[in-house]
Amino acid sequence: MVTEHLNSFNTIVSQLLSVYIRNIYEDKYINVLCFLPYSWDSLVVAIGSNKNTSKFDEIVSSLLSKEIRRKNMER
């Protein structure tokens, strides 16, 4: 689920950049968090309250790790 979400998000970012909307990178991590389902709210709040976590790659890593943990718990 997160992988598909991130792929769709990156496609949209690429499309926006192709029409010269350059400031999308400044708020990229905020945008990706805003479009997650409600079941991810606790992680979104945790990331949002952590002032040290502002790099997009760190957020993606957190999301993918959380998704792996959720899948492992379902087994």
N, C-alpha and C. Protein backbone atom coordinates (compact mmCIF):
# COMPACT_ATOMS: atom_id res chain seq x y z
N MET A 1 0.81 -1.18 0.00
CA MET A 1 0.00 0.00 0.00
C MET A 1 0.87 1.26 0.00
N VAL A 2 1.84 1.37 0.88
CA VAL A 2 2.69 2.56 0.93
C VAL A 2 3.51 2.67 -0.34
N THR A 3 3.98 1.55 -0.83
CA THR A 3 4.77 1.56 -2.05
C THR A 3 3.97 2.15 -3.21
N GLU A 4 2.72 1.71 -3.35
CA GLU A 4 1.87 2.25 -4.41
C GLU A 4 1.61 3.74 -4.20
N HIS A 5 1.38 4.10 -2.95
CA HIS A 5 1.14 5.50 -2.59
C HIS A 5 2.35 6.35 -2.98
N LEU A 6 3.55 5.90 -2.63
CA LEU A 6 4.76 6.65 -2.94
C LEU A 6 5.00 6.71 -4.45
N ASN A 7 4.72 5.63 -5.15
CA ASN A 7 4.88 5.64 -6.61
C ASN A 7 3.94 6.65 -7.25
N SER A 8 2.70 6.66 -6.82
CA SER A 8 1.74 7.63 -7.34
C SER A 8 2.17 9.05 -7.01
N PHE A 9 2.62 9.25 -5.79
CA PHE A 9 3.06 10.57 -5.36
C PHE A 9 4.24 11.05 -6.20
N ASN A 10 5.21 10.18 -6.41
CA ASN A 10 6.39 10.56 -7.21
C ASN A 10 6.02 10.85 -8.66
N THR A 11 5.03 10.15 -9.18
CA THR A 11 4.55 10.44 -10.53
C THR A 11 3.95 11.84 -10.59
N ILE A 12 3.15 12.18 -9.59
CA ILE A 12 2.55 13.51 -9.53
C ILE A 12 3.62 14.59 -9.41
N VAL A 13 4.62 14.35 -8.56
CA VAL A 13 5.71 15.32 -8.40
C VAL A 13 6.43 15.51 -9.73
N SER A 14 6.71 14.44 -10.43
CA SER A 14 7.38 14.54 -11.73
C SER A 14 6.54 15.33 -12.72
N GLN A 15 5.23 15.10 -12.71
CA GLN A 15 4.34 15.83 -13.60
C GLN A 15 4.33 17.32 -13.27
N LEU A 16 4.29 17.64 -11.98
CA LEU A 16 4.31 19.04 -11.57
C LEU A 16 5.62 19.72 -11.96
N LEU A 17 6.72 19.00 -11.79
CA LEU A 17 8.01 19.57 -12.16
C LEU A 17 8.11 19.79 -13.66
N SER A 18 7.43 18.94 -14.43
CA SER A 18 7.49 19.09 -15.89
C SER A 18 6.76 20.36 -16.36
N VAL A 19 5.87 20.89 -15.53
CA VAL A 19 5.19 22.14 -15.87
C VAL A 19 5.76 23.30 -15.03
N TYR A 20 6.96 23.09 -14.53
CA TYR A 20 7.73 24.14 -13.85
C TYR A 20 7.18 24.59 -12.51
N ILE A 21 6.56 23.71 -11.79
CA ILE A 21 6.18 24.02 -10.41
C ILE A 21 7.32 23.50 -9.55
N ARG A 22 8.22 24.39 -9.18
CA ARG A 22 9.48 24.00 -8.53
C ARG A 22 9.40 23.89 -7.00
N ASN A 23 8.51 24.60 -6.36
CA ASN A 23 8.49 24.60 -4.89
C ASN A 23 7.89 23.34 -4.30
N ILE A 24 7.51 22.37 -5.11
CA ILE A 24 6.92 21.14 -4.60
C ILE A 24 7.88 20.40 -3.68
N TYR A 25 9.18 20.50 -3.91
CA TYR A 25 10.14 19.79 -3.07
C TYR A 25 10.19 20.34 -1.65
N GLU A 26 9.89 21.60 -1.49
CA GLU A 26 9.92 22.19 -0.16
C GLU A 26 8.90 21.55 0.78
N ASP A 27 7.76 21.19 0.25
CA ASP A 27 6.69 20.62 1.06
C ASP A 27 6.39 19.17 0.69
N LYS A 28 7.33 18.53 0.04
CA LYS A 28 7.11 17.17 -0.46
C LYS A 28 6.74 16.21 0.66
N TYR A 29 7.46 16.25 1.76
CA TYR A 29 7.17 15.31 2.84
C TYR A 29 5.82 15.57 3.49
N ILE A 30 5.43 16.82 3.58
CA ILE A 30 4.12 17.15 4.15
C ILE A 30 3.01 16.62 3.24
N ASN A 31 3.18 16.79 1.95
CA ASN A 31 2.17 16.32 1.00
C ASN A 31 2.01 14.81 1.05
N VAL A 32 3.10 14.08 1.13
CA VAL A 32 2.98 12.62 1.14
C VAL A 32 2.30 12.14 2.42
N LEU A 33 2.53 12.80 3.52
CA LEU A 33 1.88 12.43 4.78
C LEU A 33 0.39 12.76 4.78
N CYS A 34 0.03 13.83 4.14
CA CYS A 34 -1.38 14.25 4.12
C CYS A 34 -2.28 13.29 3.36
N PHE A 35 -1.73 12.54 2.44
CA PHE A 35 -2.55 11.65 1.62
C PHE A 35 -2.54 10.21 2.10
N LEU A 36 -1.97 9.97 3.26
CA LEU A 36 -2.02 8.62 3.82
C LEU A 36 -3.40 8.37 4.43
N PRO A 37 -3.82 7.11 4.47
CA PRO A 37 -5.13 6.80 5.07
C PRO A 37 -5.12 7.07 6.58
N TYR A 38 -6.32 7.15 7.16
CA TYR A 38 -6.47 7.44 8.59
C TYR A 38 -5.76 6.42 9.47
N SER A 39 -5.62 5.21 9.01
CA SER A 39 -4.97 4.18 9.82
C SER A 39 -3.50 4.50 10.07
N TRP A 40 -2.96 5.46 9.36
CA TRP A 40 -1.56 5.86 9.53
C TRP A 40 -1.41 7.12 10.39
N ASP A 41 -2.50 7.60 10.97
CA ASP A 41 -2.47 8.86 11.71
C ASP A 41 -1.44 8.90 12.83
N SER A 42 -1.27 7.81 13.55
CA SER A 42 -0.31 7.84 14.67
C SER A 42 1.11 8.09 14.17
N LEU A 43 1.47 7.49 13.04
CA LEU A 43 2.80 7.72 12.49
C LEU A 43 2.92 9.14 11.95
N VAL A 44 1.87 9.62 11.30
CA VAL A 44 1.88 10.98 10.77
C VAL A 44 2.08 12.00 11.90
N VAL A 45 1.38 11.80 13.01
CA VAL A 45 1.52 12.69 14.16
C VAL A 45 2.94 12.60 14.73
N ALA A 46 3.46 11.39 14.83
CA ALA A 46 4.81 11.21 15.37
C ALA A 46 5.85 11.90 14.50
N ILE A 47 5.72 11.75 13.19
CA ILE A 47 6.67 12.40 12.28
C ILE A 47 6.49 13.91 12.34
N GLY A 48 5.25 14.37 12.37
CA GLY A 48 4.99 15.80 12.41
C GLY A 48 5.48 16.48 13.67
N SER A 49 5.49 15.74 14.78
CA SER A 49 5.95 16.34 16.04
C SER A 49 7.45 16.23 16.23
N ASN A 50 8.11 15.45 15.39
CA ASN A 50 9.56 15.29 15.48
C ASN A 50 10.22 16.32 14.55
N LYS A 51 10.74 17.37 15.12
CA LYS A 51 11.31 18.45 14.33
C LYS A 51 12.60 18.03 13.63
N ASN A 52 13.20 16.93 14.04
CA ASN A 52 14.42 16.47 13.40
C ASN A 52 14.15 15.66 12.14
N THR A 53 12.91 15.21 11.95
CA THR A 53 12.58 14.39 10.80
C THR A 53 11.96 15.26 9.72
N SER A 54 12.80 15.85 8.91
CA SER A 54 12.27 16.68 7.83
C SER A 54 12.79 16.24 6.48
N LYS A 55 13.67 15.29 6.45
CA LYS A 55 14.18 14.82 5.17
C LYS A 55 13.22 13.79 4.60
N PHE A 56 12.89 13.97 3.35
CA PHE A 56 11.92 13.11 2.68
C PHE A 56 12.36 11.65 2.74
N ASP A 57 13.62 11.37 2.52
CA ASP A 57 14.11 9.98 2.54
C ASP A 57 13.91 9.32 3.90
N GLU A 58 14.06 10.07 4.98
CA GLU A 58 13.84 9.52 6.32
C GLU A 58 12.36 9.18 6.52
N ILE A 59 11.49 10.02 6.01
CA ILE A 59 10.06 9.78 6.15
C ILE A 59 9.65 8.56 5.34
N VAL A 60 10.16 8.46 4.13
CA VAL A 60 9.85 7.29 3.29
C VAL A 60 10.33 6.02 3.97
N SER A 61 11.51 6.06 4.55
CA SER A 61 12.04 4.90 5.26
C SER A 61 11.14 4.52 6.43
N SER A 62 10.66 5.50 7.18
CA SER A 62 9.75 5.23 8.30
C SER A 62 8.45 4.61 7.82
N LEU A 63 7.91 5.14 6.74
CA LEU A 63 6.66 4.61 6.19
C LEU A 63 6.81 3.16 5.72
N LEU A 64 7.89 2.90 5.01
CA LEU A 64 8.11 1.54 4.51
C LEU A 64 8.36 0.56 5.65
N SER A 65 9.08 0.99 6.67
CA SER A 65 9.31 0.13 7.85
C SER A 65 8.00 -0.18 8.54
N LYS A 66 7.16 0.82 8.70
CA LYS A 66 5.86 0.63 9.33
C LYS A 66 5.00 -0.34 8.52
N GLU A 67 5.04 -0.21 7.21
CA GLU A 67 4.26 -1.11 6.37
C GLU A 67 4.75 -2.56 6.52
N ILE A 68 6.04 -2.76 6.58
CA ILE A 68 6.60 -4.11 6.76
C ILE A 68 6.16 -4.69 8.10
N ARG A 69 6.22 -3.87 9.17
CA ARG A 69 5.77 -4.34 10.49
C ARG A 69 4.30 -4.72 10.47
N ARG A 70 3.47 -3.92 9.80
CA ARG A 70 2.04 -4.22 9.73
C ARG A 70 1.79 -5.52 8.98
N LYS A 71 2.50 -5.73 7.90
CA LYS A 71 2.34 -6.97 7.14
C LYS A 71 2.77 -8.17 7.94
N ASN A 72 3.86 -8.04 8.69
CA ASN A 72 4.34 -9.14 9.52
C ASN A 72 3.36 -9.47 10.64
N MET A 73 2.66 -8.47 11.16
CA MET A 73 1.69 -8.69 12.22
C MET A 73 0.44 -9.39 11.69
N GLU A 74 0.14 -9.20 10.41
CA GLU A 74 -1.03 -9.83 9.80
C GLU A 74 -0.83 -11.32 9.57
N ARG A 75 0.40 -11.76 9.53
CA ARG A 75 0.68 -13.18 9.25
C ARG A 75 0.38 -14.06 10.41
